[in-house]
mmCIF file of all heavy atoms, coordinates in Angstrom:
data_MODEL
# 
_entry.id   MODEL 
# 
loop_
_atom_site.group_PDB 
_atom_site.id 
_atom_site.type_symbol 
_atom_site.label_atom_id 
_atom_site.label_alt_id 
_atom_site.label_comp_id 
_atom_site.label_asym_id 
_atom_site.label_entity_id 
_atom_site.label_seq_id 
_atom_site.pdbx_PDB_ins_code 
_atom_site.Cartn_x 
_atom_site.Cartn_y 
_atom_site.Cartn_z 
_atom_site.occupancy 
_atom_site.B_iso_or_equiv 
_atom_site.pdbx_formal_charge 
_atom_site.auth_seq_id 
_atom_site.auth_comp_id 
_atom_site.auth_asym_id 
_atom_site.auth_atom_id 
_atom_site.pdbx_PDB_model_num 
ATOM 1   N N   . ALA A 1 1  ? 19.068 92.321  -82.460 1.00 0.00 ? 1  ALA A N   1 
ATOM 2   C CA  . ALA A 1 1  ? 19.815 93.356  -83.193 1.00 0.00 ? 1  ALA A CA  1 
ATOM 3   C C   . ALA A 1 1  ? 20.149 92.897  -84.606 1.00 0.00 ? 1  ALA A C   1 
ATOM 4   O O   . ALA A 1 1  ? 20.062 93.673  -85.565 1.00 0.00 ? 1  ALA A O   1 
ATOM 5   C CB  . ALA A 1 1  ? 21.089 93.716  -82.435 1.00 0.00 ? 1  ALA A CB  1 
ATOM 6   N N   . VAL A 1 2  ? 20.543 91.646  -84.754 1.00 0.00 ? 2  VAL A N   1 
ATOM 7   C CA  . VAL A 1 2  ? 20.861 91.113  -86.081 1.00 0.00 ? 2  VAL A CA  1 
ATOM 8   C C   . VAL A 1 2  ? 19.605 91.086  -86.949 1.00 0.00 ? 2  VAL A C   1 
ATOM 9   O O   . VAL A 1 2  ? 19.622 91.480  -88.120 1.00 0.00 ? 2  VAL A O   1 
ATOM 10  C CB  . VAL A 1 2  ? 21.488 89.711  -85.960 1.00 0.00 ? 2  VAL A CB  1 
ATOM 11  C CG1 . VAL A 1 2  ? 21.649 89.068  -87.335 1.00 0.00 ? 2  VAL A CG1 1 
ATOM 12  C CG2 . VAL A 1 2  ? 22.847 89.789  -85.259 1.00 0.00 ? 2  VAL A CG2 1 
ATOM 13  N N   . ALA A 1 3  ? 18.485 90.640  -86.355 1.00 0.00 ? 3  ALA A N   1 
ATOM 14  C CA  . ALA A 1 3  ? 17.230 90.603  -87.108 1.00 0.00 ? 3  ALA A CA  1 
ATOM 15  C C   . ALA A 1 3  ? 16.786 92.011  -87.495 1.00 0.00 ? 3  ALA A C   1 
ATOM 16  O O   . ALA A 1 3  ? 16.294 92.236  -88.606 1.00 0.00 ? 3  ALA A O   1 
ATOM 17  C CB  . ALA A 1 3  ? 16.144 89.919  -86.274 1.00 0.00 ? 3  ALA A CB  1 
ATOM 18  N N   . ALA A 1 4  ? 16.970 92.973  -86.593 1.00 0.00 ? 4  ALA A N   1 
ATOM 19  C CA  . ALA A 1 4  ? 16.589 94.358  -86.885 1.00 0.00 ? 4  ALA A CA  1 
ATOM 20  C C   . ALA A 1 4  ? 17.386 94.899  -88.063 1.00 0.00 ? 4  ALA A C   1 
ATOM 21  O O   . ALA A 1 4  ? 16.863 95.640  -88.893 1.00 0.00 ? 4  ALA A O   1 
ATOM 22  C CB  . ALA A 1 4  ? 16.806 95.230  -85.648 1.00 0.00 ? 4  ALA A CB  1 
ATOM 23  N N   . THR A 1 5  ? 18.648 94.515  -88.133 1.00 0.00 ? 5  THR A N   1 
ATOM 24  C CA  . THR A 1 5  ? 19.487 94.936  -89.259 1.00 0.00 ? 5  THR A CA  1 
ATOM 25  C C   . THR A 1 5  ? 18.905 94.438  -90.571 1.00 0.00 ? 5  THR A C   1 
ATOM 26  O O   . THR A 1 5  ? 18.838 95.179  -91.562 1.00 0.00 ? 5  THR A O   1 
ATOM 27  C CB  . THR A 1 5  ? 20.918 94.407  -89.079 1.00 0.00 ? 5  THR A CB  1 
ATOM 28  O OG1 . THR A 1 5  ? 21.452 94.884  -87.846 1.00 0.00 ? 5  THR A OG1 1 
ATOM 29  C CG2 . THR A 1 5  ? 21.819 94.854  -90.226 1.00 0.00 ? 5  THR A CG2 1 
ATOM 30  N N   . ALA A 1 6  ? 18.462 93.186  -90.573 1.00 0.00 ? 6  ALA A N   1 
ATOM 31  C CA  . ALA A 1 6  ? 17.869 92.611  -91.784 1.00 0.00 ? 6  ALA A CA  1 
ATOM 32  C C   . ALA A 1 6  ? 16.582 93.327  -92.173 1.00 0.00 ? 6  ALA A C   1 
ATOM 33  O O   . ALA A 1 6  ? 16.203 93.334  -93.342 1.00 0.00 ? 6  ALA A O   1 
ATOM 34  C CB  . ALA A 1 6  ? 17.606 91.124  -91.580 1.00 0.00 ? 6  ALA A CB  1 
ATOM 35  N N   . LEU A 1 7  ? 15.922 93.950  -91.195 1.00 0.00 ? 7  LEU A N   1 
ATOM 36  C CA  . LEU A 1 7  ? 14.677 94.672  -91.463 1.00 0.00 ? 7  LEU A CA  1 
ATOM 37  C C   . LEU A 1 7  ? 14.913 96.147  -91.778 1.00 0.00 ? 7  LEU A C   1 
ATOM 38  O O   . LEU A 1 7  ? 13.973 96.910  -91.908 1.00 0.00 ? 7  LEU A O   1 
ATOM 39  C CB  . LEU A 1 7  ? 13.739 94.532  -90.263 1.00 0.00 ? 7  LEU A CB  1 
ATOM 40  C CG  . LEU A 1 7  ? 13.129 93.138  -90.075 1.00 0.00 ? 7  LEU A CG  1 
ATOM 41  C CD1 . LEU A 1 7  ? 12.471 93.019  -88.711 1.00 0.00 ? 7  LEU A CD1 1 
ATOM 42  C CD2 . LEU A 1 7  ? 12.130 92.832  -91.184 1.00 0.00 ? 7  LEU A CD2 1 
ATOM 43  N N   . GLY A 1 8  ? 16.180 96.538  -91.860 1.00 0.00 ? 8  GLY A N   1 
ATOM 44  C CA  . GLY A 1 8  ? 16.490 97.894  -92.290 1.00 0.00 ? 8  GLY A CA  1 
ATOM 45  C C   . GLY A 1 8  ? 16.831 98.875  -91.187 1.00 0.00 ? 8  GLY A C   1 
ATOM 46  O O   . GLY A 1 8  ? 16.885 100.085 -91.443 1.00 0.00 ? 8  GLY A O   1 
ATOM 47  N N   . ALA A 1 9  ? 17.067 98.409  -89.969 1.00 0.00 ? 9  ALA A N   1 
ATOM 48  C CA  . ALA A 1 9  ? 17.413 99.319  -88.874 1.00 0.00 ? 9  ALA A CA  1 
ATOM 49  C C   . ALA A 1 9  ? 18.685 100.091 -89.199 1.00 0.00 ? 9  ALA A C   1 
ATOM 50  O O   . ALA A 1 9  ? 19.700 99.506  -89.576 1.00 0.00 ? 9  ALA A O   1 
ATOM 51  C CB  . ALA A 1 9  ? 17.598 98.540  -87.571 1.00 0.00 ? 9  ALA A CB  1 
ATOM 52  N N   . GLY A 1 10 ? 18.634 101.403 -89.030 1.00 0.00 ? 10 GLY A N   1 
ATOM 53  C CA  . GLY A 1 10 ? 19.810 102.226 -89.277 1.00 0.00 ? 10 GLY A CA  1 
ATOM 54  C C   . GLY A 1 10 ? 20.579 102.548 -88.018 1.00 0.00 ? 10 GLY A C   1 
ATOM 55  O O   . GLY A 1 10 ? 21.726 102.987 -88.076 1.00 0.00 ? 10 GLY A O   1 
ATOM 56  N N   . VAL A 1 11 ? 19.937 102.340 -86.867 1.00 0.00 ? 11 VAL A N   1 
ATOM 57  C CA  . VAL A 1 11 ? 20.542 102.625 -85.570 1.00 0.00 ? 11 VAL A CA  1 
ATOM 58  C C   . VAL A 1 11 ? 20.186 101.490 -84.616 1.00 0.00 ? 11 VAL A C   1 
ATOM 59  O O   . VAL A 1 11 ? 19.038 101.037 -84.595 1.00 0.00 ? 11 VAL A O   1 
ATOM 60  C CB  . VAL A 1 11 ? 20.029 103.967 -84.991 1.00 0.00 ? 11 VAL A CB  1 
ATOM 61  C CG1 . VAL A 1 11 ? 20.586 104.213 -83.583 1.00 0.00 ? 11 VAL A CG1 1 
ATOM 62  C CG2 . VAL A 1 11 ? 20.379 105.124 -85.913 1.00 0.00 ? 11 VAL A CG2 1 
ATOM 63  N N   . ILE A 1 12 ? 21.173 101.030 -83.844 1.00 0.00 ? 12 ILE A N   1 
ATOM 64  C CA  . ILE A 1 12 ? 20.927 100.006 -82.830 1.00 0.00 ? 12 ILE A CA  1 
ATOM 65  C C   . ILE A 1 12 ? 21.585 100.450 -81.533 1.00 0.00 ? 12 ILE A C   1 
ATOM 66  O O   . ILE A 1 12 ? 22.763 100.797 -81.511 1.00 0.00 ? 12 ILE A O   1 
ATOM 67  C CB  . ILE A 1 12 ? 21.464 98.633  -83.267 1.00 0.00 ? 12 ILE A CB  1 
ATOM 68  C CG1 . ILE A 1 12 ? 20.624 98.093  -84.429 1.00 0.00 ? 12 ILE A CG1 1 
ATOM 69  C CG2 . ILE A 1 12 ? 21.450 97.643  -82.097 1.00 0.00 ? 12 ILE A CG2 1 
ATOM 70  C CD1 . ILE A 1 12 ? 21.142 96.835  -85.041 1.00 0.00 ? 12 ILE A CD1 1 
ATOM 71  N N   . GLU A 1 13 ? 20.799 100.434 -80.467 1.00 0.00 ? 13 GLU A N   1 
ATOM 72  C CA  . GLU A 1 13 ? 21.292 100.825 -79.147 1.00 0.00 ? 13 GLU A CA  1 
ATOM 73  C C   . GLU A 1 13 ? 21.190 99.625  -78.209 1.00 0.00 ? 13 GLU A C   1 
ATOM 74  O O   . GLU A 1 13 ? 20.180 98.931  -78.183 1.00 0.00 ? 13 GLU A O   1 
ATOM 75  C CB  . GLU A 1 13 ? 20.448 101.974 -78.608 1.00 0.00 ? 13 GLU A CB  1 
ATOM 76  C CG  . GLU A 1 13 ? 20.842 102.425 -77.216 1.00 0.00 ? 13 GLU A CG  1 
ATOM 77  C CD  . GLU A 1 13 ? 19.882 103.479 -76.687 1.00 0.00 ? 13 GLU A CD  1 
ATOM 78  O OE1 . GLU A 1 13 ? 18.677 103.154 -76.512 1.00 0.00 ? 13 GLU A OE1 1 
ATOM 79  O OE2 . GLU A 1 13 ? 20.319 104.605 -76.469 1.00 0.00 ? 13 GLU A OE2 1 
ATOM 80  N N   . LYS A 1 14 ? 22.262 99.384  -77.462 1.00 0.00 ? 14 LYS A N   1 
ATOM 81  C CA  . LYS A 1 14 ? 22.287 98.251  -76.536 1.00 0.00 ? 14 LYS A CA  1 
ATOM 82  C C   . LYS A 1 14 ? 23.057 98.649  -75.280 1.00 0.00 ? 14 LYS A C   1 
ATOM 83  O O   . LYS A 1 14 ? 24.091 99.314  -75.364 1.00 0.00 ? 14 LYS A O   1 
ATOM 84  C CB  . LYS A 1 14 ? 22.983 97.060  -77.217 1.00 0.00 ? 14 LYS A CB  1 
ATOM 85  C CG  . LYS A 1 14 ? 22.857 95.739  -76.473 1.00 0.00 ? 14 LYS A CG  1 
ATOM 86  C CD  . LYS A 1 14 ? 21.519 95.068  -76.732 1.00 0.00 ? 14 LYS A CD  1 
ATOM 87  C CE  . LYS A 1 14 ? 21.495 93.667  -76.133 1.00 0.00 ? 14 LYS A CE  1 
ATOM 88  N NZ  . LYS A 1 14 ? 20.247 92.963  -76.401 1.00 0.00 ? 14 LYS A NZ  1 
ATOM 89  N N   . HIS A 1 15 ? 22.573 98.243  -74.130 1.00 0.00 ? 15 HIS A N   1 
ATOM 90  C CA  . HIS A 1 15 ? 23.244 98.568  -72.870 1.00 0.00 ? 15 HIS A CA  1 
ATOM 91  C C   . HIS A 1 15 ? 24.547 97.773  -72.736 1.00 0.00 ? 15 HIS A C   1 
ATOM 92  O O   . HIS A 1 15 ? 24.621 96.601  -73.103 1.00 0.00 ? 15 HIS A O   1 
ATOM 93  C CB  . HIS A 1 15 ? 22.315 98.275  -71.699 1.00 0.00 ? 15 HIS A CB  1 
ATOM 94  C CG  . HIS A 1 15 ? 21.219 99.280  -71.548 1.00 0.00 ? 15 HIS A CG  1 
ATOM 95  N ND1 . HIS A 1 15 ? 21.108 100.104 -70.462 1.00 0.00 ? 15 HIS A ND1 1 
ATOM 96  C CD2 . HIS A 1 15 ? 20.195 99.618  -72.367 1.00 0.00 ? 15 HIS A CD2 1 
ATOM 97  C CE1 . HIS A 1 15 ? 20.064 100.895 -70.602 1.00 0.00 ? 15 HIS A CE1 1 
ATOM 98  N NE2 . HIS A 1 15 ? 19.490 100.614 -71.755 1.00 0.00 ? 15 HIS A NE2 1 
ATOM 99  N N   . PHE A 1 16 ? 25.549 98.436  -72.163 1.00 0.00 ? 16 PHE A N   1 
ATOM 100 C CA  . PHE A 1 16 ? 26.918 97.899  -72.104 1.00 0.00 ? 16 PHE A CA  1 
ATOM 101 C C   . PHE A 1 16 ? 27.383 97.875  -70.646 1.00 0.00 ? 16 PHE A C   1 
ATOM 102 O O   . PHE A 1 16 ? 27.162 98.818  -69.892 1.00 0.00 ? 16 PHE A O   1 
ATOM 103 C CB  . PHE A 1 16 ? 27.844 98.800  -72.930 1.00 0.00 ? 16 PHE A CB  1 
ATOM 104 C CG  . PHE A 1 16 ? 29.220 98.255  -73.162 1.00 0.00 ? 16 PHE A CG  1 
ATOM 105 C CD1 . PHE A 1 16 ? 29.554 97.661  -74.376 1.00 0.00 ? 16 PHE A CD1 1 
ATOM 106 C CD2 . PHE A 1 16 ? 30.195 98.336  -72.183 1.00 0.00 ? 16 PHE A CD2 1 
ATOM 107 C CE1 . PHE A 1 16 ? 30.831 97.170  -74.603 1.00 0.00 ? 16 PHE A CE1 1 
ATOM 108 C CE2 . PHE A 1 16 ? 31.480 97.849  -72.393 1.00 0.00 ? 16 PHE A CE2 1 
ATOM 109 C CZ  . PHE A 1 16 ? 31.797 97.257  -73.613 1.00 0.00 ? 16 PHE A CZ  1 
ATOM 110 N N   . ILE A 1 17 ? 28.059 96.796  -70.269 1.00 0.00 ? 17 ILE A N   1 
ATOM 111 C CA  . ILE A 1 17 ? 28.595 96.665  -68.912 1.00 0.00 ? 17 ILE A CA  1 
ATOM 112 C C   . ILE A 1 17 ? 29.903 95.892  -68.973 1.00 0.00 ? 17 ILE A C   1 
ATOM 113 O O   . ILE A 1 17 ? 30.100 95.064  -69.874 1.00 0.00 ? 17 ILE A O   1 
ATOM 114 C CB  . ILE A 1 17 ? 27.577 95.944  -67.991 1.00 0.00 ? 17 ILE A CB  1 
ATOM 115 C CG1 . ILE A 1 17 ? 27.934 96.124  -66.509 1.00 0.00 ? 17 ILE A CG1 1 
ATOM 116 C CG2 . ILE A 1 17 ? 27.451 94.467  -68.354 1.00 0.00 ? 17 ILE A CG2 1 
ATOM 117 C CD1 . ILE A 1 17 ? 26.837 95.675  -65.574 1.00 0.00 ? 17 ILE A CD1 1 
ATOM 118 N N   . MET A 1 18 ? 30.796 96.157  -68.049 1.00 0.00 ? 18 MET A N   1 
ATOM 119 C CA  . MET A 1 18 ? 32.061 95.415  -68.022 1.00 0.00 ? 18 MET A CA  1 
ATOM 120 C C   . MET A 1 18 ? 31.836 93.973  -67.602 1.00 0.00 ? 18 MET A C   1 
ATOM 121 O O   . MET A 1 18 ? 32.406 93.045  -68.163 1.00 0.00 ? 18 MET A O   1 
ATOM 122 C CB  . MET A 1 18 ? 33.054 96.097  -67.081 1.00 0.00 ? 18 MET A CB  1 
ATOM 123 C CG  . MET A 1 18 ? 33.510 97.474  -67.534 1.00 0.00 ? 18 MET A CG  1 
ATOM 124 S SD  . MET A 1 18 ? 34.268 97.458  -69.185 1.00 0.00 ? 18 MET A SD  1 
ATOM 125 C CE  . MET A 1 18 ? 35.750 96.507  -68.867 1.00 0.00 ? 18 MET A CE  1 
ATOM 126 N N   . SER A 1 19 ? 31.001 93.779  -66.581 1.00 0.00 ? 19 SER A N   1 
ATOM 127 C CA  . SER A 1 19 ? 30.704 92.422  -66.103 1.00 0.00 ? 19 SER A CA  1 
ATOM 128 C C   . SER A 1 19 ? 29.356 92.423  -65.398 1.00 0.00 ? 19 SER A C   1 
ATOM 129 O O   . SER A 1 19 ? 29.150 93.187  -64.445 1.00 0.00 ? 19 SER A O   1 
ATOM 130 C CB  . SER A 1 19 ? 31.788 91.942  -65.138 1.00 0.00 ? 19 SER A CB  1 
ATOM 131 O OG  . SER A 1 19 ? 31.398 90.729  -64.504 1.00 0.00 ? 19 SER A OG  1 
ATOM 132 N N   . ARG A 1 20 ? 28.437 91.576  -65.847 1.00 0.00 ? 20 ARG A N   1 
ATOM 133 C CA  . ARG A 1 20 ? 27.133 91.495  -65.188 1.00 0.00 ? 20 ARG A CA  1 
ATOM 134 C C   . ARG A 1 20 ? 27.270 91.026  -63.740 1.00 0.00 ? 20 ARG A C   1 
ATOM 135 O O   . ARG A 1 20 ? 26.440 91.348  -62.890 1.00 0.00 ? 20 ARG A O   1 
ATOM 136 C CB  . ARG A 1 20 ? 26.202 90.562  -65.966 1.00 0.00 ? 20 ARG A CB  1 
ATOM 137 C CG  . ARG A 1 20 ? 25.609 91.194  -67.216 1.00 0.00 ? 20 ARG A CG  1 
ATOM 138 C CD  . ARG A 1 20 ? 24.535 90.316  -67.837 1.00 0.00 ? 20 ARG A CD  1 
ATOM 139 N NE  . ARG A 1 20 ? 25.099 89.084  -68.335 1.00 0.00 ? 20 ARG A NE  1 
ATOM 140 C CZ  . ARG A 1 20 ? 25.645 88.932  -69.536 1.00 0.00 ? 20 ARG A CZ  1 
ATOM 141 N NH1 . ARG A 1 20 ? 25.712 89.974  -70.365 1.00 0.00 ? 20 ARG A NH1 1 
ATOM 142 N NH2 . ARG A 1 20 ? 26.125 87.773  -69.922 1.00 0.00 ? 20 ARG A NH2 1 
ATOM 143 N N   . ALA A 1 21 ? 28.323 90.269  -63.466 1.00 0.00 ? 21 ALA A N   1 
ATOM 144 C CA  . ALA A 1 21 ? 28.530 89.754  -62.109 1.00 0.00 ? 21 ALA A CA  1 
ATOM 145 C C   . ALA A 1 21 ? 28.751 90.877  -61.102 1.00 0.00 ? 21 ALA A C   1 
ATOM 146 O O   . ALA A 1 21 ? 28.505 90.709  -59.909 1.00 0.00 ? 21 ALA A O   1 
ATOM 147 C CB  . ALA A 1 21 ? 29.717 88.797  -62.090 1.00 0.00 ? 21 ALA A CB  1 
ATOM 148 N N   . GLU A 1 22 ? 29.210 92.028  -61.586 1.00 0.00 ? 22 GLU A N   1 
ATOM 149 C CA  . GLU A 1 22 ? 29.438 93.161  -60.687 1.00 0.00 ? 22 GLU A CA  1 
ATOM 150 C C   . GLU A 1 22 ? 28.144 93.870  -60.312 1.00 0.00 ? 22 GLU A C   1 
ATOM 151 O O   . GLU A 1 22 ? 28.135 94.737  -59.448 1.00 0.00 ? 22 GLU A O   1 
ATOM 152 C CB  . GLU A 1 22 ? 30.385 94.165  -61.356 1.00 0.00 ? 22 GLU A CB  1 
ATOM 153 C CG  . GLU A 1 22 ? 31.786 93.618  -61.606 1.00 0.00 ? 22 GLU A CG  1 
ATOM 154 C CD  . GLU A 1 22 ? 32.660 94.617  -62.336 1.00 0.00 ? 22 GLU A CD  1 
ATOM 155 O OE1 . GLU A 1 22 ? 32.186 95.744  -62.610 1.00 0.00 ? 22 GLU A OE1 1 
ATOM 156 O OE2 . GLU A 1 22 ? 33.821 94.276  -62.632 1.00 0.00 ? 22 GLU A OE2 1 
ATOM 157 N N   . GLY A 1 23 ? 27.052 93.509  -60.972 1.00 0.00 ? 23 GLY A N   1 
ATOM 158 C CA  . GLY A 1 23 ? 25.782 94.154  -60.698 1.00 0.00 ? 23 GLY A CA  1 
ATOM 159 C C   . GLY A 1 23 ? 25.706 95.526  -61.322 1.00 0.00 ? 23 GLY A C   1 
ATOM 160 O O   . GLY A 1 23 ? 26.587 95.969  -62.053 1.00 0.00 ? 23 GLY A O   1 
ATOM 161 N N   . GLY A 1 24 ? 24.631 96.225  -61.015 1.00 0.00 ? 24 GLY A N   1 
ATOM 162 C CA  . GLY A 1 24 ? 24.372 97.530  -61.630 1.00 0.00 ? 24 GLY A CA  1 
ATOM 163 C C   . GLY A 1 24 ? 22.896 97.600  -61.972 1.00 0.00 ? 24 GLY A C   1 
ATOM 164 O O   . GLY A 1 24 ? 22.248 96.564  -62.174 1.00 0.00 ? 24 GLY A O   1 
# 
């Protein structure tokens, strides 16, 4: 995501979870 910003990305999407240990 940081590298994409340097390349001009205007939008970044990333999956979000409270805790990976809880699974999903």
